[in-house]
């Protein structure tokens, strides 16, 4: 019985640590949209592209935490289903990059976001509407 107790304690601790790390990783890389947009991951950053009637917003999360995008900048290139191409300049806000669109994007699209992060790192993310 004395040999069995340390083995059981070790097994229980191992399972507890393994389970805890799995739960933490699921929360850090959630691909669920928080603002009703399309979510992709690029360079370990989750980007969410949200279409608004007057333009677009691009939100960023790094390991589950919002990124301050006030010092970020970028460009969004949108290819609409009818082959029309839109280039939208993105400027930093507190929690997102935003840009004005000349038309409402209400049809299928593919978009490329070129983002210069506040850290100076350049990231490209590809979005495709559903």
C-alpha atoms as a PDB file:
ATOM      1  CA  UNK A   1       0.000   0.000   0.000  1.00  0.00           C
ATOM      2  CA  UNK A   2       2.902   2.391   0.705  1.00  0.00           C
ATOM      3  CA  UNK A   3       4.233   1.977  -2.872  1.00  0.00           C
ATOM      4  CA  UNK A   4       0.798   2.605  -4.371  1.00  0.00           C
ATOM      5  CA  UNK A   5       0.128   5.937  -2.589  1.00  0.00           C
ATOM      6  CA  UNK A   6       3.059   7.937  -4.103  1.00  0.00           C
ATOM      7  CA  UNK A   7       2.211   6.565  -7.558  1.00  0.00           C
ATOM      8  CA  UNK A   8      -1.436   7.594  -7.186  1.00  0.00           C
ATOM      9  CA  UNK A   9      -0.477  11.085  -5.956  1.00  0.00           C
ATOM     10  CA  UNK A  10       1.922  11.533  -8.879  1.00  0.00           C
ATOM     11  CA  UNK A  11      -0.728  10.401 -11.384  1.00  0.00           C
ATOM     12  CA  UNK A  12      -3.340  12.784  -9.958  1.00  0.00           C
ATOM     13  CA  UNK A  13      -0.937  15.758 -10.072  1.00  0.00           C
ATOM     14  CA  UNK A  14       0.108  14.944 -13.634  1.00  0.00           C
ATOM     15  CA  UNK A  15      -3.515  14.829 -14.779  1.00  0.00           C
ATOM     16  CA  UNK A  16      -4.301  18.108 -13.003  1.00  0.00           C
ATOM     17  CA  UNK A  17      -1.437  19.968 -14.698  1.00  0.00           C
ATOM     18  CA  UNK A  18      -2.188  18.474 -18.115  1.00  0.00           C
ATOM     19  CA  UNK A  19      -5.872  19.361 -17.917  1.00  0.00           C
ATOM     20  CA  UNK A  20      -5.159  22.930 -16.762  1.00  0.00           C
ATOM     21  CA  UNK A  21      -2.807  23.662 -19.691  1.00  0.00           C
ATOM     22  CA  UNK A  22      -5.340  22.354 -22.228  1.00  0.00           C
ATOM     23  CA  UNK A  23      -8.057  24.656 -20.854  1.00  0.00           C
ATOM     24  CA  UNK A  24      -5.727  27.659 -20.894  1.00  0.00           C
ATOM     25  CA  UNK A  25      -4.720  27.057 -24.506  1.00  0.00           C
ATOM     26  CA  UNK A  26      -8.329  26.789 -25.664  1.00  0.00           C
ATOM     27  CA  UNK A  27      -9.123  30.203 -24.162  1.00  0.00           C
ATOM     28  CA  UNK A  28      -6.021  31.888 -25.591  1.00  0.00           C
ATOM     29  CA  UNK A  29      -6.652  30.956 -29.239  1.00  0.00           C
ATOM     30  CA  UNK A  30     -10.414  31.190 -29.521  1.00  0.00           C
ATOM     31  CA  UNK A  31     -11.540  31.690 -33.108  1.00  0.00           C
ATOM     32  CA  UNK A  32     -15.060  32.752 -32.140  1.00  0.00           C
ATOM     33  CA  UNK A  33     -16.007  36.218 -33.415  1.00  0.00           C
ATOM     34  CA  UNK A  34     -16.485  38.713 -30.590  1.00  0.00           C
ATOM     35  CA  UNK A  35     -17.797  41.547 -32.799  1.00  0.00           C
ATOM     36  CA  UNK A  36     -19.792  39.617 -35.430  1.00  0.00           C
ATOM     37  CA  UNK A  37     -17.028  39.497 -38.060  1.00  0.00           C
ATOM     38  CA  UNK A  38     -14.714  36.978 -39.702  1.00  0.00           C
ATOM     39  CA  UNK A  39     -11.812  35.711 -37.549  1.00  0.00           C
ATOM     40  CA  UNK A  40      -8.432  34.460 -38.790  1.00  0.00           C
ATOM     41  CA  UNK A  41      -5.084  33.886 -37.120  1.00  0.00           C
ATOM     42  CA  UNK A  42      -1.790  35.181 -38.494  1.00  0.00           C
ATOM     43  CA  UNK A  43       1.557  35.226 -36.650  1.00  0.00           C
ATOM     44  CA  UNK A  44      -0.137  34.065 -33.432  1.00  0.00           C
ATOM     45  CA  UNK A  45      -2.507  37.058 -33.487  1.00  0.00           C
ATOM     46  CA  UNK A  46      -6.257  36.626 -33.995  1.00  0.00           C
ATOM     47  CA  UNK A  47      -7.706  39.270 -36.306  1.00  0.00           C
ATOM     48  CA  UNK A  48     -11.428  39.935 -36.689  1.00  0.00           C
ATOM     49  CA  UNK A  49     -12.653  41.869 -39.721  1.00  0.00           C
ATOM     50  CA  UNK A  50     -16.038  43.522 -39.160  1.00  0.00           C
ATOM     51  CA  UNK A  51     -18.033  45.174 -41.960  1.00  0.00           C
ATOM     52  CA  UNK A  52     -19.965  48.289 -40.978  1.00  0.00           C
ATOM     53  CA  UNK A  53     -22.326  50.306 -43.196  1.00  0.00           C
ATOM     54  CA  UNK A  54     -19.767  53.120 -43.399  1.00  0.00           C
ATOM     55  CA  UNK A  55     -16.554  51.073 -43.482  1.00  0.00           C
ATOM     56  CA  UNK A  56     -14.602  48.319 -41.776  1.00  0.00           C
ATOM     57  CA  UNK A  57     -12.996  47.626 -38.410  1.00  0.00           C
ATOM     58  CA  UNK A  58     -10.122  45.253 -37.725  1.00  0.00           C
ATOM     59  CA  UNK A  59      -9.751  43.996 -34.158  1.00  0.00           C
ATOM     60  CA  UNK A  60      -6.655  42.142 -32.891  1.00  0.00           C
ATOM     61  CA  UNK A  61      -6.142  39.775 -29.963  1.00  0.00           C
ATOM     62  CA  UNK A  62      -2.807  38.316 -28.889  1.00  0.00           C
ATOM     63  CA  UNK A  63      -3.151  35.143 -26.832  1.00  0.00           C
ATOM     64  CA  UNK A  64      -6.701  36.105 -25.910  1.00  0.00           C
ATOM     65  CA  UNK A  65      -5.882  39.664 -24.843  1.00  0.00           C
ATOM     66  CA  UNK A  66      -6.907  42.738 -26.872  1.00  0.00           C
ATOM     67  CA  UNK A  67      -4.064  44.593 -28.579  1.00  0.00           C
ATOM     68  CA  UNK A  68      -3.907  48.384 -28.285  1.00  0.00           C
ATOM     69  CA  UNK A  69      -4.105  49.371 -31.957  1.00  0.00           C
ATOM     70  CA  UNK A  70      -3.815  53.150 -31.432  1.00  0.00           C
ATOM     71  CA  UNK A  71      -0.235  53.120 -32.785  1.00  0.00           C
ATOM     72  CA  UNK A  72      -0.906  50.590 -35.548  1.00  0.00           C
ATOM     73  CA  UNK A  73      -1.663  51.288 -39.202  1.00  0.00           C
ATOM     74  CA  UNK A  74      -2.516  49.274 -42.255  1.00  0.00           C
ATOM     75  CA  UNK A  75      -4.248  48.760 -45.535  1.00  0.00           C
ATOM     76  CA  UNK A  76      -7.098  46.445 -46.494  1.00  0.00           C
ATOM     77  CA  UNK A  77      -7.408  45.217 -50.069  1.00  0.00           C
ATOM     78  CA  UNK A  78     -10.841  43.749 -50.803  1.00  0.00           C
ATOM     79  CA  UNK A  79     -11.689  41.734 -53.909  1.00  0.00           C
ATOM     80  CA  UNK A  80     -15.459  41.579 -54.286  1.00  0.00           C
ATOM     81  CA  UNK A  81     -17.312  38.727 -55.981  1.00  0.00           C
ATOM     82  CA  UNK A  82     -17.882  40.805 -59.113  1.00  0.00           C
ATOM     83  CA  UNK A  83     -14.085  41.265 -59.376  1.00  0.00           C
ATOM     84  CA  UNK A  84     -14.178  44.873 -58.152  1.00  0.00           C
ATOM     85  CA  UNK A  85     -11.115  45.779 -56.076  1.00  0.00           C
ATOM     86  CA  UNK A  86     -11.205  48.176 -53.119  1.00  0.00           C
ATOM     87  CA  UNK A  87      -8.217  49.577 -51.226  1.00  0.00           C
ATOM     88  CA  UNK A  88      -9.074  50.911 -47.780  1.00  0.00           C
ATOM     89  CA  UNK A  89      -6.561  52.746 -45.576  1.00  0.00           C
ATOM     90  CA  UNK A  90      -6.729  51.644 -41.948  1.00  0.00           C
ATOM     91  CA  UNK A  91      -5.946  53.978 -39.074  1.00  0.00           C
ATOM     92  CA  UNK A  92      -5.442  53.080 -35.437  1.00  0.00           C
ATOM     93  CA  UNK A  93      -8.120  53.503 -32.809  1.00  0.00           C
ATOM     94  CA  UNK A  94      -7.906  52.393 -29.178  1.00  0.00           C
ATOM     95  CA  UNK A  95      -9.064  48.831 -29.772  1.00  0.00           C
ATOM     96  CA  UNK A  96      -9.131  48.456 -33.554  1.00  0.00           C
ATOM     97  CA  UNK A  97      -8.034  49.704 -36.938  1.00  0.00           C
ATOM     98  CA  UNK A  98     -10.797  51.356 -38.900  1.00  0.00           C
ATOM     99  CA  UNK A  99     -11.286  52.616 -42.423  1.00  0.00           C
ATOM    100  CA  UNK A 100     -13.971  54.219 -44.548  1.00  0.00           C
ATOM    101  CA  UNK A 101     -15.263  52.233 -47.514  1.00  0.00           C
ATOM    102  CA  UNK A 102     -16.733  53.916 -50.596  1.00  0.00           C
ATOM    103  CA  UNK A 103     -19.302  51.113 -50.875  1.00  0.00           C
ATOM    104  CA  UNK A 104     -21.017  48.769 -48.433  1.00  0.00           C
ATOM    105  CA  UNK A 105     -19.390  45.350 -48.564  1.00  0.00           C
ATOM    106  CA  UNK A 106     -22.510  43.182 -48.628  1.00  0.00           C
ATOM    107  CA  UNK A 107     -21.430  40.533 -51.148  1.00  0.00           C
ATOM    108  CA  UNK A 108     -18.907  37.669 -51.029  1.00  0.00           C
ATOM    109  CA  UNK A 109     -15.327  38.896 -50.772  1.00  0.00           C
ATOM    110  CA  UNK A 110     -11.714  37.976 -50.183  1.00  0.00           C
ATOM    111  CA  UNK A 111      -9.661  40.529 -48.258  1.00  0.00           C
ATOM    112  CA  UNK A 112      -5.993  40.951 -47.425  1.00  0.00           C
ATOM    113  CA  UNK A 113      -5.055  43.063 -44.429  1.00  0.00           C
ATOM    114  CA  UNK A 114      -1.527  44.452 -44.304  1.00  0.00           C
ATOM    115  CA  UNK A 115      -0.972  45.574 -40.721  1.00  0.00           C
ATOM    116  CA  UNK A 116       1.981  47.315 -39.107  1.00  0.00           C
ATOM    117  CA  UNK A 117       1.563  46.382 -35.461  1.00  0.00           C
ATOM    118  CA  UNK A 118       2.434  48.774 -32.595  1.00  0.00           C
ATOM    119  CA  UNK A 119       5.561  46.657 -32.009  1.00  0.00           C
ATOM    120  CA  UNK A 120       6.726  47.427 -35.558  1.00  0.00           C
ATOM    121  CA  UNK A 121       6.056  43.905 -36.829  1.00  0.00           C
ATOM    122  CA  UNK A 122       4.319  43.614 -40.221  1.00  0.00           C
ATOM    123  CA  UNK A 123       1.553  40.998 -40.448  1.00  0.00           C
ATOM    124  CA  UNK A 124      -0.582  39.960 -43.423  1.00  0.00           C
ATOM    125  CA  UNK A 125      -3.949  38.303 -42.767  1.00  0.00           C
ATOM    126  CA  UNK A 126      -6.329  36.811 -45.372  1.00  0.00           C
ATOM    127  CA  UNK A 127     -10.092  36.901 -44.842  1.00  0.00           C
ATOM    128  CA  UNK A 128     -12.841  35.216 -46.843  1.00  0.00           C
ATOM    129  CA  UNK A 129     -16.526  35.899 -46.286  1.00  0.00           C
ATOM    130  CA  UNK A 130     -18.864  33.038 -45.633  1.00  0.00           C
END
